[in-house]
Amino acid sequence: MSYRWSSIRHMSPLRGKVRRATLALIAATVAVVSSAVASQAQTRVPIVRDAEIEGLLVDYAGPIFRTAGLTHKGIDIVLVNDPSFNAFVAGRRIFMNTGAIATSQTPNEIIGVLAHEAGHIAGGHQERLRDQIARARTLAVVGSLVGIGAAAAASAAGSDASAVGGGLATMAPGVAQRSLLRYRRTEEMAADQAAVKYLNATGQSARGMLETFQRFAREGSLAGVRTNPYETSHPLPRERVALLEELARRSPYFDRRDPPALRRRHDMARGKIAAYAGGAPAVSAMFRNNPNSAGARYGMAIASFLRGDTRKALADIDRLISENRNNPYLHEMKGEILLAARQPENAVASFSRAAQLDKHNSSIIRGRLGFAYLSTGDPAQAEKAIRELRTAISADPDNFAAYVFLSRAYALAGDVARAELTQAEGYFRAGNIKDAKRFAARAQRKMQRGTPGWQRANDIVKYRRNQ
């Protein structure tokens, strides 16, 4: 689904599969690759869509990606609804926890994290990691076979050396895992060095990255954590802090600060996350030292909206808009509040203004504008709703909510066949093949044979999973 934060409870599932194997080592090596990726493989990753925060992260990453040569690689930054400070790479996607943004005090901290993850992608670490996993599996298999063979030979000879063979078999997975972990530590160090290189090339400080690792080191120390360096997939915090401090302080940009406008945007994103995660108390706690900041007031406006006080929320948002009339996301939030206040016509005006101001042309804002047109219930607005929702789907084909609303817009316009075909396409994109086929068949019966719409429906009806 591609709902915005107002539908945070309806999070899209991102599913992954881990191939089962008879050797326990395979599961072990996959598990140590990354706790985040392993979690993704075993469970659903709760994805959150928000035009404002996505736009902020794109602006953070843009200069880094250009320097790293990744602008034409189709890299996506995906928000994960998780309160912990974490980010990880999977394929061509960088997954960023909302907790990382909420916890960070400055834009520079998140820019440093993105630079690190860009270092993994530019360095081809994932591709090489797959090779390392394959080698680790081979080493474990060979080691186990040697040990088993030694034990069998000793047993046949009546020797007590069978215990040695068993020991060899037991040691093989451990040797393979340490080999893989050693590679991972080298890879993480390489990503850190690449990150500092990108930050220097873009005239940005590595201070935020350094402070992040210093915080991790302090937290580990205070918690009394004693980590075996051979049992972790990342270098120990003290190793990374020492390397980063040397590299960061060598930079002529170490003392450079984030621009005030960027800090304001960062704080507003943090305020939004706090409001959706914990309401007004969470916002107050986050900004207790600066309760009159834009981030604090924005978070409080959203908290008022979430608890149903649309009058106060509108008054607060209007004050923020008067201070920054060209912020598209303030107009977007006003549109959400107006929808909740059952003023869809006014919401259309706010979303339209947001779409005009949004330099990223977010499919989320266009989709919400289409929904606002649809919410008027006026058949005369149906074509406008269809236009905006089709634009949203064209930019983001996995936006299931947009398919649902587009189907309703076609129904409002009296085109039942197109409404059912759109519903079928939405179900198909969501992986619900059974309902996709059902709606496609219904649409097909209402269409002239051989037309483009009939053919699209036929493709879904005839689809087989092995395709």
Protein backbone atom coordinates (compact mmCIF):
# COMPACT_ATOMS: atom_id res chain seq x y z
CA MET A 1 0.00 0.00 0.00
CA SER A 2 1.10 3.56 -0.48
CA TYR A 3 -0.75 5.36 2.25
CA ARG A 4 0.78 8.37 3.88
CA TRP A 5 1.42 8.64 7.61
CA SER A 6 -2.25 9.23 8.34
CA SER A 7 -2.72 5.54 7.53
CA ILE A 8 0.35 4.37 9.39
CA ARG A 9 -1.47 1.32 10.73
CA HIS A 10 -1.90 0.00 7.20
CA MET A 11 1.71 -0.70 6.37
CA SER A 12 2.79 -2.46 3.23
CA PRO A 13 4.37 -5.91 3.60
CA LEU A 14 7.77 -6.45 2.08
CA ARG A 15 8.35 -10.14 2.01
CA GLY A 16 11.53 -12.09 1.53
CA LYS A 17 12.32 -15.80 1.59
CA VAL A 18 15.25 -17.68 2.99
CA ARG A 19 15.99 -20.93 1.22
CA ARG A 20 15.89 -23.89 3.60
CA ALA A 21 18.92 -26.14 3.77
CA THR A 22 19.93 -29.27 5.62
CA LEU A 23 23.15 -27.75 6.92
CA ALA A 24 22.65 -25.54 9.95
CA LEU A 25 25.59 -23.45 8.79
CA ILE A 26 23.63 -21.99 5.89
CA ALA A 27 21.07 -20.48 8.25
CA ALA A 28 23.87 -19.28 10.52
CA THR A 29 25.81 -17.53 7.76
CA VAL A 30 22.70 -15.84 6.42
CA ALA A 31 21.76 -14.73 9.93
CA VAL A 32 25.06 -12.99 10.57
CA VAL A 33 25.03 -11.09 7.30
CA SER A 34 22.84 -8.40 8.83
CA SER A 35 20.33 -8.58 11.61
CA ALA A 36 18.10 -6.18 9.67
CA VAL A 37 18.21 -8.21 6.47
CA ALA A 38 17.69 -11.42 8.41
CA SER A 39 14.68 -9.85 10.08
CA GLN A 40 13.38 -8.78 6.67
CA ALA A 41 13.80 -12.33 5.40
CA GLN A 42 11.85 -13.85 8.26
CA THR A 43 9.10 -11.27 8.84
CA ARG A 44 7.31 -8.38 7.21
CA VAL A 45 9.13 -5.07 7.08
CA PRO A 46 6.65 -2.30 8.03
CA ILE A 47 7.06 0.24 5.24
CA VAL A 48 5.83 3.80 5.78
CA ARG A 49 5.17 6.26 2.95
CA ASP A 50 5.48 9.99 3.57
CA ALA A 51 6.15 12.57 0.86
CA GLU A 52 7.85 15.03 3.22
CA ILE A 53 10.34 12.64 4.79
CA GLU A 54 11.02 10.86 1.49
CA GLY A 55 11.73 14.22 -0.14
CA LEU A 56 14.05 15.19 2.70
CA LEU A 57 16.04 11.96 2.40
CA VAL A 58 16.30 12.37 -1.37
CA ASP A 59 17.71 15.87 -0.85
CA TYR A 60 20.17 14.51 1.71
CA ALA A 61 21.28 11.68 -0.57
CA GLY A 62 21.41 13.53 -3.91
CA PRO A 63 24.92 15.02 -3.65
CA ILE A 64 26.26 11.81 -2.10
CA PHE A 65 24.80 9.61 -4.84
CA ARG A 66 26.18 11.88 -7.57
CA THR A 67 29.65 11.73 -6.05
CA ALA A 68 29.43 7.95 -5.65
CA GLY A 69 28.30 7.50 -9.27
CA LEU A 70 24.90 6.12 -8.24
CA THR A 71 22.55 8.64 -9.83
CA HIS A 72 21.70 6.29 -12.70
CA LYS A 73 21.52 3.13 -10.62
CA GLY A 74 17.87 3.49 -9.61
CA ILE A 75 18.53 3.63 -5.86
CA ASP A 76 15.40 3.89 -3.70
CA ILE A 77 15.30 5.05 -0.08
CA VAL A 78 12.60 3.23 1.86
CA LEU A 79 11.21 4.30 5.24
CA VAL A 80 10.78 1.54 7.84
CA ASN A 81 8.49 2.06 10.82
CA ASP A 82 10.90 1.05 13.54
CA PRO A 83 11.96 3.14 16.58
CA SER A 84 15.56 1.88 16.62
CA PHE A 85 18.48 3.72 15.04
CA ASN A 86 19.25 1.56 12.02
CA ALA A 87 19.66 1.53 8.26
CA PHE A 88 20.61 -1.22 5.84
CA VAL A 89 20.97 -2.01 2.17
CA ALA A 90 19.07 -4.70 0.25
CA GLY A 91 19.61 -4.75 -3.50
CA ARG A 92 19.16 -1.24 -4.84
CA ARG A 93 17.26 -0.05 -1.80
CA ILE A 94 18.45 1.75 1.30
CA PHE A 95 16.11 1.07 4.20
CA MET A 96 16.05 3.84 6.82
CA ASN A 97 14.30 3.40 10.16
CA THR A 98 12.08 6.26 11.28
CA GLY A 99 13.82 5.87 14.64
CA ALA A 100 17.12 6.91 13.07
CA ILE A 101 15.60 10.20 11.93
CA ALA A 102 13.80 10.79 15.22
CA THR A 103 16.93 10.07 17.27
CA SER A 104 19.34 12.12 15.16
CA GLN A 105 19.93 15.68 16.31
CA THR A 106 21.21 17.05 13.01
CA PRO A 107 20.79 16.40 9.28
CA ASN A 108 24.50 15.63 9.14
CA GLU A 109 24.01 12.45 11.18
CA ILE A 110 21.54 11.01 8.67
CA ILE A 111 23.61 12.23 5.72
CA GLY A 112 26.54 10.30 7.19
CA VAL A 113 24.43 7.14 7.46
CA LEU A 114 23.30 7.50 3.84
CA ALA A 115 26.91 8.05 2.76
CA HIS A 116 27.90 4.83 4.53
CA GLU A 117 25.13 2.81 2.86
CA ALA A 118 26.02 4.38 -0.50
CA GLY A 119 29.55 3.11 0.10
CA HIS A 120 28.19 -0.44 0.35
CA ILE A 121 26.29 -0.11 -2.93
CA ALA A 122 29.08 1.63 -4.85
CA GLY A 123 31.58 -0.93 -3.55
CA GLY A 124 29.48 -3.85 -4.77
CA HIS A 125 29.61 -5.33 -1.28
CA GLN A 126 26.36 -7.25 -1.58
CA GLU A 127 27.42 -9.03 -4.74
CA ARG A 128 30.73 -10.01 -3.18
CA LEU A 129 28.99 -11.00 0.03
CA ARG A 130 26.97 -13.58 -1.88
CA ASP A 131 30.25 -15.07 -3.09
CA GLN A 132 31.59 -15.08 0.45
CA ILE A 133 28.48 -16.88 1.70
CA ALA A 134 28.87 -19.47 -1.04
CA ARG A 135 32.51 -19.97 -0.07
CA ALA A 136 31.59 -20.26 3.59
CA ARG A 137 29.02 -22.93 2.77
CA THR A 138 31.56 -24.83 0.68
CA LEU A 139 34.15 -24.63 3.45
CA ALA A 140 31.62 -25.93 5.95
CA VAL A 141 30.53 -28.80 3.70
CA VAL A 142 34.09 -29.86 2.91
CA GLY A 143 35.12 -29.54 6.53
CA SER A 144 32.17 -31.56 7.70
CA LEU A 145 32.81 -34.28 5.13
CA VAL A 146 36.49 -34.48 6.12
CA GLY A 147 35.55 -34.74 9.77
CA ILE A 148 32.89 -37.35 9.15
CA GLY A 149 35.29 -39.29 6.94
CA ALA A 150 37.99 -39.20 9.61
CA ALA A 151 35.54 -40.34 12.26
CA ALA A 152 34.31 -43.20 10.07
CA ALA A 153 37.85 -44.33 9.29
CA ALA A 154 38.87 -44.20 12.93
CA SER A 155 35.78 -46.08 13.96
CA ALA A 156 36.43 -48.80 11.40
CA ALA A 157 39.99 -49.13 12.72
CA GLY A 158 38.71 -49.33 16.27
CA SER A 159 40.57 -46.15 17.20
CA ASP A 160 39.58 -43.51 19.78
CA ALA A 161 40.45 -40.91 17.14
CA SER A 162 36.79 -40.89 16.11
CA ALA A 163 36.40 -38.04 18.58
CA VAL A 164 38.91 -36.04 16.55
CA GLY A 165 36.89 -36.54 13.41
CA GLY A 166 33.76 -35.37 15.21
CA GLY A 167 35.69 -32.35 16.38
CA LEU A 168 36.67 -31.49 12.83
CA ALA A 169 33.05 -31.68 11.74
CA THR A 170 31.98 -29.45 14.61
CA MET A 171 34.71 -26.90 13.97
CA ALA A 172 33.98 -26.51 10.24
CA PRO A 173 30.89 -24.26 10.59
CA GLY A 174 32.72 -22.08 13.12
CA VAL A 175 35.71 -21.61 10.82
CA ALA A 176 33.41 -20.73 7.92
CA GLN A 177 31.42 -18.27 10.02
CA ARG A 178 34.55 -16.52 11.30
CA SER A 179 35.76 -16.22 7.71
CA LEU A 180 32.50 -14.59 6.71
CA LEU A 181 32.50 -12.27 9.70
CA ARG A 182 36.08 -11.22 9.01
CA TYR A 183 35.02 -10.26 5.48
CA ARG A 184 32.05 -8.31 6.87
CA ARG A 185 34.26 -6.30 9.20
CA THR A 186 36.54 -5.37 6.31
CA GLU A 187 33.53 -4.40 4.23
CA GLU A 188 32.11 -2.13 6.95
CA MET A 189 35.45 -0.35 7.33
CA ALA A 190 35.56 0.18 3.57
CA ALA A 191 32.06 1.68 3.60
CA ASP A 192 33.06 4.06 6.39
CA GLN A 193 36.07 5.28 4.43
CA ALA A 194 33.99 5.69 1.29
CA ALA A 195 31.42 7.70 3.27
CA VAL A 196 34.05 10.16 4.49
CA LYS A 197 35.35 10.47 0.94
CA TYR A 198 31.85 11.33 -0.36
CA LEU A 199 31.25 13.83 2.44
CA ASN A 200 34.55 15.59 1.72
CA ALA A 201 33.81 15.69 -2.00
CA THR A 202 30.46 17.37 -1.33
CA GLY A 203 31.88 19.84 1.21
CA GLN A 204 30.08 18.27 4.17
CA SER A 205 31.32 17.33 7.61
CA ALA A 206 31.78 13.78 8.88
CA ARG A 207 31.13 15.06 12.41
CA GLY A 208 27.59 13.67 12.50
CA MET A 209 28.75 10.23 11.45
CA LEU A 210 31.48 10.33 14.10
CA GLU A 211 29.06 11.46 16.82
CA THR A 212 26.70 8.62 15.90
CA PHE A 213 29.39 6.00 16.46
CA GLN A 214 30.56 7.73 19.61
CA ARG A 215 27.02 7.49 20.96
CA PHE A 216 26.87 3.79 20.11
CA ALA A 217 30.20 3.26 21.86
CA ARG A 218 28.98 5.07 25.01
CA GLU A 219 25.71 3.14 25.07
CA GLY A 220 27.57 -0.16 24.72
CA SER A 221 29.94 0.81 27.51
CA LEU A 222 27.17 1.92 29.84
CA ALA A 223 25.24 -1.28 29.15
CA GLY A 224 28.27 -3.35 30.13
CA VAL A 225 28.31 -5.04 26.73
CA ARG A 226 31.42 -7.07 25.99
CA THR A 227 31.35 -8.23 22.41
CA ASN A 228 33.58 -10.93 20.96
CA PRO A 229 35.11 -9.35 17.83
CA TYR A 230 34.79 -12.68 16.02
CA GLU A 231 31.08 -12.94 16.72
CA THR A 232 29.93 -9.65 15.25
CA SER A 233 29.36 -8.75 11.63
CA HIS A 234 30.44 -5.15 12.17
CA PRO A 235 33.71 -3.81 13.60
CA LEU A 236 33.56 -2.94 17.29
CA PRO A 237 32.49 0.68 17.97
CA ARG A 238 35.90 1.66 19.36
CA GLU A 239 37.60 0.51 16.14
CA ARG A 240 35.23 2.51 13.96
CA VAL A 241 35.36 5.56 16.21
CA ALA A 242 39.16 5.60 16.09
CA LEU A 243 39.22 5.30 12.29
CA LEU A 244 36.42 7.81 11.77
CA GLU A 245 37.86 10.36 14.15
CA GLU A 246 41.17 10.30 12.35
CA LEU A 247 39.55 10.65 8.92
CA ALA A 248 36.89 13.16 9.98
CA ARG A 249 39.19 15.57 11.81
CA ARG A 250 41.57 15.57 8.86
CA SER A 251 38.84 17.09 6.70
CA PRO A 252 38.74 20.87 6.16
CA TYR A 253 34.95 20.63 6.51
CA PHE A 254 34.87 19.06 9.97
CA ASP A 255 33.49 22.19 11.67
CA ARG A 256 30.99 23.00 8.92
CA ARG A 257 27.39 23.05 10.19
CA ASP A 258 24.14 22.22 8.43
CA PRO A 259 22.29 25.22 6.95
CA PRO A 260 19.51 26.58 9.24
CA ALA A 261 16.80 25.85 6.65
CA LEU A 262 17.89 22.22 6.46
CA ARG A 263 17.94 21.91 10.25
CA ARG A 264 14.39 23.28 10.32
CA ARG A 265 13.23 20.67 7.82
CA HIS A 266 14.98 17.97 9.79
CA ASP A 267 13.30 19.01 13.03
CA MET A 268 9.91 19.13 11.32
CA ALA A 269 10.40 15.56 10.10
CA ARG A 270 11.34 14.53 13.64
CA GLY A 271 8.28 16.29 15.03
CA LYS A 272 6.04 14.48 12.57
CA ILE A 273 7.49 11.09 13.50
CA ALA A 274 7.10 11.84 17.21
CA ALA A 275 3.47 12.90 16.74
CA TYR A 276 2.51 9.74 14.88
CA ALA A 277 4.51 7.51 17.20
CA GLY A 278 3.43 8.93 20.56
CA GLY A 279 1.22 11.99 20.19
CA ALA A 280 1.69 15.26 22.07
CA PRO A 281 3.68 13.72 24.98
CA ALA A 282 6.29 12.36 22.56
CA VAL A 283 6.57 15.73 20.80
CA SER A 284 6.95 17.55 24.14
CA ALA A 285 9.66 15.12 25.23
CA MET A 286 11.54 15.47 21.94
CA PHE A 287 11.55 19.28 22.00
CA ARG A 288 11.58 19.94 25.74
CA ASN A 289 14.59 22.24 25.31
CA ASN A 290 13.04 24.13 22.39
CA PRO A 291 9.23 23.98 22.65
CA ASN A 292 8.68 26.96 20.34
CA SER A 293 10.69 25.58 17.42
CA ALA A 294 9.03 24.88 14.09
CA GLY A 295 9.51 21.15 14.64
CA ALA A 296 7.77 21.26 18.01
CA ARG A 297 4.84 23.35 16.76
CA TYR A 298 4.47 21.17 13.66
CA GLY A 299 4.45 18.02 15.76
CA MET A 300 1.84 19.50 18.10
CA ALA A 301 -0.38 20.50 15.15
CA ILE A 302 -0.24 16.92 13.85
CA ALA A 303 -0.93 15.56 17.35
CA SER A 304 -4.05 17.76 17.53
CA PHE A 305 -5.15 16.45 14.13
CA LEU A 306 -4.65 12.83 15.22
CA ARG A 307 -6.74 13.24 18.35
CA GLY A 308 -9.56 14.77 16.29
CA ASP A 309 -9.15 18.44 17.18
CA THR A 310 -9.19 19.67 13.60
CA ARG A 311 -9.98 23.27 14.57
CA LYS A 312 -6.78 23.66 16.61
CA ALA A 313 -4.77 21.69 14.06
CA LEU A 314 -5.89 24.00 11.25
CA ALA A 315 -5.08 27.12 13.28
CA ASP A 316 -1.60 25.80 14.08
CA ILE A 317 -0.90 24.74 10.48
CA ASP A 318 -2.08 28.07 9.15
CA ARG A 319 0.38 29.87 11.45
CA LEU A 320 3.20 27.67 10.18
CA ILE A 321 2.15 28.31 6.57
CA SER A 322 2.19 32.07 7.18
CA GLU A 323 5.87 31.68 8.15
CA ASN A 324 6.77 29.49 5.16
CA ARG A 325 4.20 29.73 2.39
CA ASN A 326 6.26 27.75 -0.12
CA ASN A 327 6.56 24.59 1.97
CA PRO A 328 4.51 22.01 0.02
CA TYR A 329 4.23 19.64 2.95
CA LEU A 330 2.49 22.17 5.18
CA HIS A 331 -0.17 22.54 2.48
CA GLU A 332 -0.30 18.75 2.18
CA MET A 333 -0.87 18.39 5.93
CA LYS A 334 -3.55 21.08 5.78
CA GLY A 335 -5.26 19.04 3.07
CA GLU A 336 -5.24 15.98 5.35
CA ILE A 337 -6.75 17.97 8.20
CA LEU A 338 -9.45 19.40 5.90
CA LEU A 339 -10.34 15.90 4.71
CA ALA A 340 -10.74 14.84 8.35
CA ALA A 341 -12.88 17.94 8.92
CA ARG A 342 -15.10 16.85 6.00
CA GLN A 343 -14.17 19.78 3.81
CA PRO A 344 -13.03 17.97 0.63
CA GLU A 345 -13.43 21.02 -1.63
CA ASN A 346 -11.01 23.00 0.55
CA ALA A 347 -8.74 19.97 0.76
CA VAL A 348 -8.54 19.93 -3.04
CA ALA A 349 -7.21 23.50 -2.96
CA SER A 350 -4.56 22.61 -0.35
CA PHE A 351 -3.40 19.46 -2.12
CA SER A 352 -3.33 21.33 -5.44
CA ARG A 353 -1.06 23.94 -3.89
CA ALA A 354 1.14 21.21 -2.41
CA ALA A 355 1.46 19.52 -5.81
CA GLN A 356 2.41 22.83 -7.44
CA LEU A 357 5.14 23.50 -4.88
CA ASP A 358 6.53 19.96 -4.62
CA LYS A 359 9.78 19.84 -6.59
CA HIS A 360 9.92 16.05 -6.24
CA ASN A 361 6.48 15.60 -7.86
CA SER A 362 5.58 13.03 -5.21
CA SER A 363 3.12 10.36 -6.28
CA ILE A 364 1.80 10.41 -2.72
CA ILE A 365 0.66 14.03 -2.95
CA ARG A 366 -0.83 13.48 -6.41
CA GLY A 367 -2.66 10.44 -5.10
CA ARG A 368 -4.06 12.38 -2.15
CA LEU A 369 -5.19 15.14 -4.50
CA GLY A 370 -7.02 12.52 -6.55
CA PHE A 371 -8.60 11.16 -3.37
CA ALA A 372 -9.70 14.67 -2.37
CA TYR A 373 -11.45 15.09 -5.74
CA LEU A 374 -13.09 11.70 -5.22
CA SER A 375 -14.17 12.62 -1.68
CA THR A 376 -16.34 15.44 -2.98
CA GLY A 377 -18.71 12.77 -4.33
CA ASP A 378 -19.30 14.98 -7.36
CA PRO A 379 -19.37 13.04 -10.67
CA ALA A 380 -18.13 16.21 -12.36
CA GLN A 381 -14.88 15.83 -10.39
CA ALA A 382 -14.42 12.16 -11.31
CA GLU A 383 -12.25 12.86 -14.37
CA LYS A 384 -9.93 15.05 -12.32
CA ALA A 385 -9.67 12.31 -9.71
CA ILE A 386 -8.90 9.76 -12.44
CA ARG A 387 -6.21 11.97 -13.94
CA GLU A 388 -4.40 12.50 -10.63
CA LEU A 389 -4.67 8.88 -9.50
CA ARG A 390 -3.41 7.56 -12.84
CA THR A 391 -0.46 9.94 -12.55
CA ALA A 392 0.25 8.61 -9.07
CA ILE A 393 0.14 5.00 -10.25
CA SER A 394 2.33 5.75 -13.26
CA ALA A 395 5.00 7.11 -10.92
CA ASP A 396 4.50 4.38 -8.31
CA PRO A 397 2.95 1.20 -9.77
CA ASP A 398 2.93 -0.52 -6.36
CA ASN A 399 0.66 2.12 -4.79
CA PHE A 400 -2.22 -0.21 -3.92
CA ALA A 401 -4.31 2.54 -2.29
CA ALA A 402 -4.23 4.52 -5.53
CA TYR A 403 -5.66 1.53 -7.41
CA VAL A 404 -8.50 1.29 -4.90
CA PHE A 405 -9.34 4.98 -5.19
CA LEU A 406 -8.95 4.96 -8.99
CA SER A 407 -11.41 2.08 -9.16
CA ARG A 408 -13.87 4.12 -7.12
CA ALA A 409 -13.29 7.14 -9.37
CA TYR A 410 -14.09 5.08 -12.48
CA ALA A 411 -17.24 3.83 -10.74
CA LEU A 412 -18.21 7.43 -9.90
CA ALA A 413 -17.75 8.27 -13.60
CA GLY A 414 -20.01 5.33 -14.54
CA ASP A 415 -17.28 3.16 -16.10
CA VAL A 416 -17.86 -0.09 -14.19
CA ALA A 417 -15.70 -2.24 -16.50
CA ARG A 418 -12.66 0.02 -16.03
CA ALA A 419 -13.34 0.14 -12.28
CA GLU A 420 -13.22 -3.66 -12.06
CA LEU A 421 -10.12 -3.88 -14.26
CA THR A 422 -8.32 -1.32 -12.07
CA GLN A 423 -9.27 -3.30 -8.98
CA ALA A 424 -7.89 -6.43 -10.64
CA GLU A 425 -4.62 -4.68 -11.47
CA GLY A 426 -4.32 -3.45 -7.90
CA TYR A 427 -4.84 -6.93 -6.48
CA PHE A 428 -2.34 -8.31 -8.99
CA ARG A 429 0.30 -5.80 -7.92
CA ALA A 430 -0.37 -6.68 -4.28
CA GLY A 431 0.15 -10.39 -5.00
CA ASN A 432 -3.49 -11.36 -4.44
CA ILE A 433 -3.80 -13.38 -7.63
CA LYS A 434 -7.09 -15.03 -6.71
CA ASP A 435 -9.02 -11.76 -6.34
CA ALA A 436 -7.12 -10.25 -9.29
CA LYS A 437 -8.40 -13.03 -11.54
CA ARG A 438 -11.93 -12.68 -10.18
CA PHE A 439 -12.15 -8.95 -10.89
CA ALA A 440 -10.38 -9.33 -14.24
CA ALA A 441 -12.93 -11.90 -15.36
CA ARG A 442 -15.78 -9.61 -14.34
CA ALA A 443 -14.20 -6.69 -16.22
CA GLN A 444 -13.54 -8.82 -19.29
CA ARG A 445 -17.21 -9.75 -19.63
CA LYS A 446 -18.10 -6.06 -19.90
CA MET A 447 -15.47 -5.22 -22.54
CA GLN A 448 -15.28 -5.72 -26.28
CA ARG A 449 -13.07 -8.64 -27.16
CA GLY A 450 -9.61 -7.70 -28.43
CA THR A 451 -9.56 -4.15 -27.04
CA PRO A 452 -6.53 -3.08 -24.95
CA GLY A 453 -8.57 -3.23 -21.73
CA TRP A 454 -9.91 -6.71 -22.58
CA GLN A 455 -6.37 -7.89 -23.34
CA ARG A 456 -5.03 -6.56 -20.03
CA ALA A 457 -7.82 -8.37 -18.20
CA ASN A 458 -7.12 -11.51 -20.21
CA ASP A 459 -3.44 -11.40 -19.25
CA ILE A 460 -4.43 -11.49 -15.59
CA VAL A 461 -7.03 -14.23 -16.08
CA LYS A 462 -4.50 -16.43 -17.92
CA TYR A 463 -1.61 -15.68 -15.56
CA ARG A 464 0.20 -18.61 -13.93
CA ARG A 465 2.55 -18.13 -11.00
CA ASN A 466 5.42 -19.92 -12.72
CA GLN A 467 5.40 -17.14 -15.30
